[in-house]
Amino acid sequence: MNEIGLTHILVISTSLFFIGVYGFLTRRNMITMLMAVELILNSVNINFVAFNKFLYPDKLDGVFFIIFNIAIAAAEAAVAIAIIINLYRSHKSIDISDADEMKY
């Protein structure tokens, strides 16, 4: 059976990253923008696993970074969803163009 190489994993991670960037830059809905940010963070997690497996196969440093990154992403998602819910209650919309009052 053929082993999956580092190049294959990096291609998947890169495509996931750019799908997230595209989703973040083109969508106007805050929930889809939040999901795009989560895609970007997950592509970083894939990179941590890949480089940990191929550079230091007997160490777990990449896994510890992933656990920390997942905790930060969960906190970021909770705060973002709270902001989105508060914005929806006040403006009855979660479109990013309706959130221009939050700039000032």
N, C-alpha and C. Protein backbone atom coordinates (compact mmCIF):
# COMPACT_ATOMS: atom_id res chain seq x y z
N MET A 1 0.84 -1.18 0.00
CA MET A 1 0.00 0.00 0.00
C MET A 1 0.89 1.25 0.00
N ASN A 2 0.52 2.21 -0.81
CA ASN A 2 1.31 3.43 -0.92
C ASN A 2 1.04 4.34 0.27
N GLU A 3 2.12 4.92 0.76
CA GLU A 3 2.00 5.86 1.86
C GLU A 3 1.71 7.25 1.30
N ILE A 4 0.87 7.99 1.98
CA ILE A 4 0.57 9.36 1.56
C ILE A 4 1.75 10.25 1.92
N GLY A 5 2.25 10.98 0.96
CA GLY A 5 3.42 11.81 1.18
C GLY A 5 3.07 13.19 1.73
N LEU A 6 4.09 13.90 2.10
CA LEU A 6 3.93 15.24 2.64
C LEU A 6 3.33 16.18 1.59
N THR A 7 3.70 16.00 0.36
CA THR A 7 3.18 16.86 -0.71
C THR A 7 1.67 16.74 -0.84
N HIS A 8 1.15 15.53 -0.74
CA HIS A 8 -0.29 15.33 -0.84
C HIS A 8 -1.04 16.03 0.29
N ILE A 9 -0.50 15.91 1.48
CA ILE A 9 -1.14 16.53 2.64
C ILE A 9 -1.07 18.05 2.52
N LEU A 10 0.04 18.58 2.06
CA LEU A 10 0.18 20.03 1.91
C LEU A 10 -0.72 20.58 0.81
N VAL A 11 -0.97 19.80 -0.23
CA VAL A 11 -1.90 20.23 -1.28
C VAL A 11 -3.31 20.32 -0.72
N ILE A 12 -3.72 19.33 0.07
CA ILE A 12 -5.04 19.37 0.72
C ILE A 12 -5.13 20.56 1.65
N SER A 13 -4.11 20.77 2.45
CA SER A 13 -4.12 21.88 3.40
C SER A 13 -4.14 23.22 2.69
N THR A 14 -3.37 23.36 1.63
CA THR A 14 -3.35 24.61 0.88
C THR A 14 -4.69 24.89 0.23
N SER A 15 -5.30 23.87 -0.34
CA SER A 15 -6.61 24.08 -0.96
C SER A 15 -7.66 24.44 0.09
N LEU A 16 -7.60 23.81 1.26
CA LEU A 16 -8.52 24.15 2.34
C LEU A 16 -8.30 25.59 2.80
N PHE A 17 -7.05 26.00 2.87
CA PHE A 17 -6.74 27.38 3.27
C PHE A 17 -7.31 28.39 2.27
N PHE A 18 -7.10 28.14 0.99
CA PHE A 18 -7.57 29.11 0.00
C PHE A 18 -9.08 29.08 -0.19
N ILE A 19 -9.71 27.94 0.06
CA ILE A 19 -11.18 27.91 0.08
C ILE A 19 -11.69 28.78 1.23
N GLY A 20 -11.02 28.71 2.37
CA GLY A 20 -11.39 29.55 3.51
C GLY A 20 -11.18 31.03 3.23
N VAL A 21 -10.06 31.37 2.61
CA VAL A 21 -9.80 32.78 2.27
C VAL A 21 -10.82 33.28 1.26
N TYR A 22 -11.13 32.47 0.26
CA TYR A 22 -12.13 32.86 -0.73
C TYR A 22 -13.49 33.04 -0.07
N GLY A 23 -13.86 32.13 0.80
CA GLY A 23 -15.14 32.26 1.49
C GLY A 23 -15.20 33.47 2.39
N PHE A 24 -14.10 33.81 3.02
CA PHE A 24 -14.08 34.98 3.89
C PHE A 24 -14.18 36.27 3.10
N LEU A 25 -13.51 36.34 1.96
CA LEU A 25 -13.49 37.58 1.19
C LEU A 25 -14.72 37.79 0.33
N THR A 26 -15.43 36.74 -0.03
CA THR A 26 -16.55 36.89 -0.95
C THR A 26 -17.92 36.85 -0.28
N ARG A 27 -18.03 36.31 0.89
CA ARG A 27 -19.34 36.18 1.54
C ARG A 27 -19.67 37.43 2.33
N ARG A 28 -20.94 37.72 2.43
CA ARG A 28 -21.41 38.88 3.19
C ARG A 28 -22.11 38.46 4.47
N ASN A 29 -22.41 37.19 4.63
CA ASN A 29 -23.07 36.68 5.82
C ASN A 29 -22.02 36.38 6.88
N MET A 30 -22.25 36.83 8.10
CA MET A 30 -21.24 36.67 9.16
C MET A 30 -21.03 35.21 9.56
N ILE A 31 -22.07 34.41 9.49
CA ILE A 31 -21.93 32.99 9.86
C ILE A 31 -21.03 32.27 8.84
N THR A 32 -21.22 32.53 7.57
CA THR A 32 -20.36 31.90 6.57
C THR A 32 -18.92 32.41 6.65
N MET A 33 -18.76 33.68 7.04
CA MET A 33 -17.41 34.20 7.23
C MET A 33 -16.74 33.51 8.42
N LEU A 34 -17.51 33.25 9.46
CA LEU A 34 -16.97 32.52 10.62
C LEU A 34 -16.58 31.10 10.23
N MET A 35 -17.40 30.45 9.42
CA MET A 35 -17.04 29.10 8.96
C MET A 35 -15.79 29.12 8.09
N ALA A 36 -15.61 30.18 7.31
CA ALA A 36 -14.41 30.29 6.48
C ALA A 36 -13.16 30.45 7.35
N VAL A 37 -13.27 31.21 8.43
CA VAL A 37 -12.14 31.35 9.35
C VAL A 37 -11.82 30.00 9.99
N GLU A 38 -12.84 29.23 10.31
CA GLU A 38 -12.62 27.90 10.88
C GLU A 38 -11.92 26.97 9.87
N LEU A 39 -12.24 27.10 8.59
CA LEU A 39 -11.53 26.33 7.57
C LEU A 39 -10.05 26.69 7.52
N ILE A 40 -9.76 27.97 7.65
CA ILE A 40 -8.37 28.41 7.65
C ILE A 40 -7.63 27.84 8.86
N LEU A 41 -8.26 27.87 10.02
CA LEU A 41 -7.62 27.32 11.22
C LEU A 41 -7.43 25.81 11.11
N ASN A 42 -8.37 25.12 10.49
CA ASN A 42 -8.22 23.67 10.31
C ASN A 42 -7.11 23.34 9.32
N SER A 43 -6.90 24.19 8.33
CA SER A 43 -5.78 23.93 7.42
C SER A 43 -4.44 24.08 8.15
N VAL A 44 -4.38 25.01 9.10
CA VAL A 44 -3.17 25.15 9.92
C VAL A 44 -2.97 23.89 10.77
N ASN A 45 -4.06 23.35 11.30
CA ASN A 45 -3.96 22.12 12.09
C ASN A 45 -3.44 20.96 11.26
N ILE A 46 -3.89 20.87 10.01
CA ILE A 46 -3.40 19.81 9.13
C ILE A 46 -1.90 19.98 8.89
N ASN A 47 -1.44 21.21 8.74
CA ASN A 47 0.00 21.46 8.57
C ASN A 47 0.78 21.03 9.80
N PHE A 48 0.27 21.34 10.99
CA PHE A 48 0.95 20.92 12.22
C PHE A 48 1.09 19.40 12.28
N VAL A 49 0.03 18.69 11.94
CA VAL A 49 0.07 17.22 11.98
C VAL A 49 1.05 16.69 10.94
N ALA A 50 1.00 17.25 9.74
CA ALA A 50 1.86 16.76 8.66
C ALA A 50 3.34 16.97 8.97
N PHE A 51 3.69 18.17 9.39
CA PHE A 51 5.10 18.41 9.67
C PHE A 51 5.58 17.67 10.91
N ASN A 52 4.70 17.48 11.87
CA ASN A 52 5.08 16.70 13.04
C ASN A 52 5.32 15.24 12.66
N LYS A 53 4.47 14.70 11.80
CA LYS A 53 4.62 13.30 11.39
C LYS A 53 5.88 13.07 10.57
N PHE A 54 6.21 13.99 9.69
CA PHE A 54 7.33 13.77 8.80
C PHE A 54 8.67 14.27 9.35
N LEU A 55 8.66 15.27 10.23
CA LEU A 55 9.92 15.75 10.77
C LEU A 55 10.30 15.09 12.09
N TYR A 56 9.31 14.92 12.96
CA TYR A 56 9.56 14.33 14.29
C TYR A 56 8.50 13.26 14.57
N PRO A 57 8.64 12.09 13.97
CA PRO A 57 7.57 11.09 14.11
C PRO A 57 7.41 10.53 15.53
N ASP A 58 8.42 10.64 16.36
CA ASP A 58 8.31 10.08 17.71
C ASP A 58 7.96 11.13 18.76
N LYS A 59 7.73 12.38 18.35
CA LYS A 59 7.36 13.43 19.29
C LYS A 59 5.92 13.88 19.03
N LEU A 60 5.33 14.53 20.02
CA LEU A 60 3.94 14.98 19.92
C LEU A 60 3.82 16.50 19.99
N ASP A 61 4.84 17.22 19.59
CA ASP A 61 4.80 18.68 19.67
C ASP A 61 3.68 19.26 18.80
N GLY A 62 3.51 18.74 17.59
CA GLY A 62 2.46 19.23 16.71
C GLY A 62 1.07 18.99 17.27
N VAL A 63 0.89 17.88 17.96
CA VAL A 63 -0.41 17.57 18.56
C VAL A 63 -0.74 18.56 19.67
N PHE A 64 0.25 18.95 20.44
CA PHE A 64 0.01 19.94 21.50
C PHE A 64 -0.36 21.30 20.91
N PHE A 65 0.28 21.67 19.81
CA PHE A 65 -0.10 22.91 19.14
C PHE A 65 -1.54 22.83 18.62
N ILE A 66 -1.92 21.68 18.11
CA ILE A 66 -3.28 21.49 17.60
C ILE A 66 -4.31 21.62 18.71
N ILE A 67 -4.03 21.02 19.85
CA ILE A 67 -4.97 21.11 20.98
C ILE A 67 -5.12 22.57 21.42
N PHE A 68 -4.02 23.29 21.47
CA PHE A 68 -4.07 24.71 21.81
C PHE A 68 -4.85 25.50 20.76
N ASN A 69 -4.61 25.19 19.50
CA ASN A 69 -5.29 25.88 18.40
C ASN A 69 -6.79 25.59 18.41
N ILE A 70 -7.19 24.37 18.72
CA ILE A 70 -8.61 24.03 18.80
C ILE A 70 -9.27 24.78 19.94
N ALA A 71 -8.58 24.91 21.06
CA ALA A 71 -9.13 25.66 22.20
C ALA A 71 -9.30 27.14 21.85
N ILE A 72 -8.33 27.71 21.17
CA ILE A 72 -8.43 29.11 20.76
C ILE A 72 -9.55 29.28 19.73
N ALA A 73 -9.68 28.33 18.81
CA ALA A 73 -10.74 28.42 17.80
C ALA A 73 -12.12 28.30 18.43
N ALA A 74 -12.26 27.47 19.45
CA ALA A 74 -13.55 27.34 20.13
C ALA A 74 -13.90 28.62 20.86
N ALA A 75 -12.93 29.23 21.51
CA ALA A 75 -13.18 30.50 22.19
C ALA A 75 -13.51 31.60 21.18
N GLU A 76 -12.80 31.62 20.08
CA GLU A 76 -13.07 32.61 19.04
C GLU A 76 -14.47 32.43 18.45
N ALA A 77 -14.87 31.20 18.23
CA ALA A 77 -16.20 30.93 17.68
C ALA A 77 -17.29 31.33 18.67
N ALA A 78 -17.08 31.07 19.95
CA ALA A 78 -18.08 31.43 20.96
C ALA A 78 -18.25 32.94 21.04
N VAL A 79 -17.16 33.69 21.02
CA VAL A 79 -17.25 35.15 21.07
C VAL A 79 -17.88 35.69 19.79
N ALA A 80 -17.51 35.15 18.65
CA ALA A 80 -18.07 35.62 17.38
C ALA A 80 -19.56 35.33 17.29
N ILE A 81 -19.99 34.17 17.74
CA ILE A 81 -21.41 33.85 17.70
C ILE A 81 -22.18 34.75 18.66
N ALA A 82 -21.61 35.08 19.81
CA ALA A 82 -22.26 36.00 20.74
C ALA A 82 -22.41 37.38 20.11
N ILE A 83 -21.39 37.85 19.41
CA ILE A 83 -21.46 39.15 18.73
C ILE A 83 -22.51 39.10 17.62
N ILE A 84 -22.54 38.01 16.87
CA ILE A 84 -23.51 37.88 15.78
C ILE A 84 -24.94 37.85 16.32
N ILE A 85 -25.17 37.13 17.41
CA ILE A 85 -26.51 37.09 18.01
C ILE A 85 -26.92 38.48 18.50
N ASN A 86 -26.01 39.19 19.14
CA ASN A 86 -26.30 40.54 19.61
C ASN A 86 -26.59 41.47 18.44
N LEU A 87 -25.85 41.35 17.36
CA LEU A 87 -26.10 42.17 16.18
C LEU A 87 -27.44 41.83 15.54
N TYR A 88 -27.79 40.55 15.52
CA TYR A 88 -29.08 40.15 14.95
C TYR A 88 -30.23 40.69 15.78
N ARG A 89 -30.08 40.69 17.09
CA ARG A 89 -31.14 41.22 17.95
C ARG A 89 -31.35 42.71 17.74
N SER A 90 -30.30 43.44 17.51
CA SER A 90 -30.45 44.88 17.36
C SER A 90 -30.77 45.32 15.94
N HIS A 91 -30.29 44.59 14.91
CA HIS A 91 -30.45 45.03 13.53
C HIS A 91 -31.34 44.10 12.70
N LYS A 92 -31.69 42.94 13.22
CA LYS A 92 -32.50 41.94 12.50
C LYS A 92 -31.83 41.48 11.21
N SER A 93 -30.50 41.48 11.19
CA SER A 93 -29.75 41.03 10.02
C SER A 93 -28.34 40.65 10.47
N ILE A 94 -27.77 39.68 9.77
CA ILE A 94 -26.38 39.32 10.04
C ILE A 94 -25.50 39.57 8.81
N ASP A 95 -25.97 40.46 7.95
CA ASP A 95 -25.18 40.87 6.80
C ASP A 95 -24.08 41.82 7.26
N ILE A 96 -22.90 41.67 6.70
CA ILE A 96 -21.75 42.46 7.14
C ILE A 96 -21.92 43.94 6.81
N SER A 97 -22.67 44.27 5.77
CA SER A 97 -22.87 45.68 5.42
C SER A 97 -23.77 46.39 6.42
N ASP A 98 -24.57 45.64 7.18
CA ASP A 98 -25.42 46.25 8.21
C ASP A 98 -24.67 46.48 9.52
N ALA A 99 -23.45 46.04 9.60
CA ALA A 99 -22.68 46.14 10.86
C ALA A 99 -21.73 47.33 10.84
N ASP A 100 -21.99 48.32 9.99
CA ASP A 100 -21.06 49.45 9.91
C ASP A 100 -21.13 50.34 11.14
N GLU A 101 -22.18 50.23 11.94
CA GLU A 101 -22.28 51.01 13.16
C GLU A 101 -21.28 50.55 14.22
N MET A 102 -20.83 49.32 14.12
CA MET A 102 -19.90 48.78 15.11
C MET A 102 -18.49 49.32 14.93
N LYS A 103 -18.22 50.02 13.85
CA LYS A 103 -16.88 50.54 13.60
C LYS A 103 -16.54 51.70 14.52
N TYR A 104 -17.52 52.45 14.97
CA TYR A 104 -17.26 53.67 15.72
C TYR A 104 -17.55 53.52 17.17
